[in-house]
Amino acid sequence: MRIAPIHTALACAALALAAGSACAQTVYRIVGPDGKVTFSDQPPAPSSPAKVTTTNKNGSSAVNAASLPFELQEVVKRYPVTLYTGTGCSPCESARNLLVQRGVPFTERSVNTDADAEALRRISGETSLPFGTIGGQQLKGFSDVEWTQYLDAAAYPKSSVLPASYKRAPAQPLVASKAPPAAAPVAPAPAPAEPSAEPVDTSRNPRGIQF
């Protein structure tokens, strides 16, 4: 984990936060006619038959600011926080705990597949975790002091003001997995043929009476 010197980091944070999300990168998820998925910071040509979706500010999905206390609403709108985590990542746990304890609303994206890792590389330039964004500012690796200073610079409250009813959305994969193809319907087995009735011996029963 590489951490910039604190004075350099704060200067960068001040410039980035003053500029809002100007340096945030839009990532295009492009699905070609053959079903191959690629990620790019450039959209395909208008004539391309590929299907394109974009991610919002470094792959995040915005927290619903309207449901938050007034003092948080503007901060979340201007500097949304997104945390990228992986399974079994202790620094990821530390970053998550800091945000939860401080009451910072954030979106969490899990990076567990090759497709997730490739998308993260497009966003951050590498695949190391944890990775976080505060508005357009990127934080690589975790340092309690560094993350706290960036949150302070964004004017997030130093202690939680979230209502007791607030529920954080669970982590979602960075790249949505494709649903498996629907299984072909199974044709019903043919009904067994009815056994044919045996001819009745009428030699001893001339009227053909059956019991």
Foldseek 3Di string as FASTA:
>chain_A
DDDDPQVVLLVVLLVCLVVQQPQFAKKKWWQAPVRDTDIDSDDDDPPGPIDIDIADRLLFDQDPLVLWPPQCSVLSVRWAKEKEEEPPDPQSVVVVVQCVFQANAHAYAYQYDPVLQNSNCNRPVHRADTWMGTGNDIDGTDDSVSVLSSCVSSVRGRGHPGDPPDDHDDYYHSDDDDDDDDDDDDDDDDDDDDDDDDDDDCPVPVVSDDD
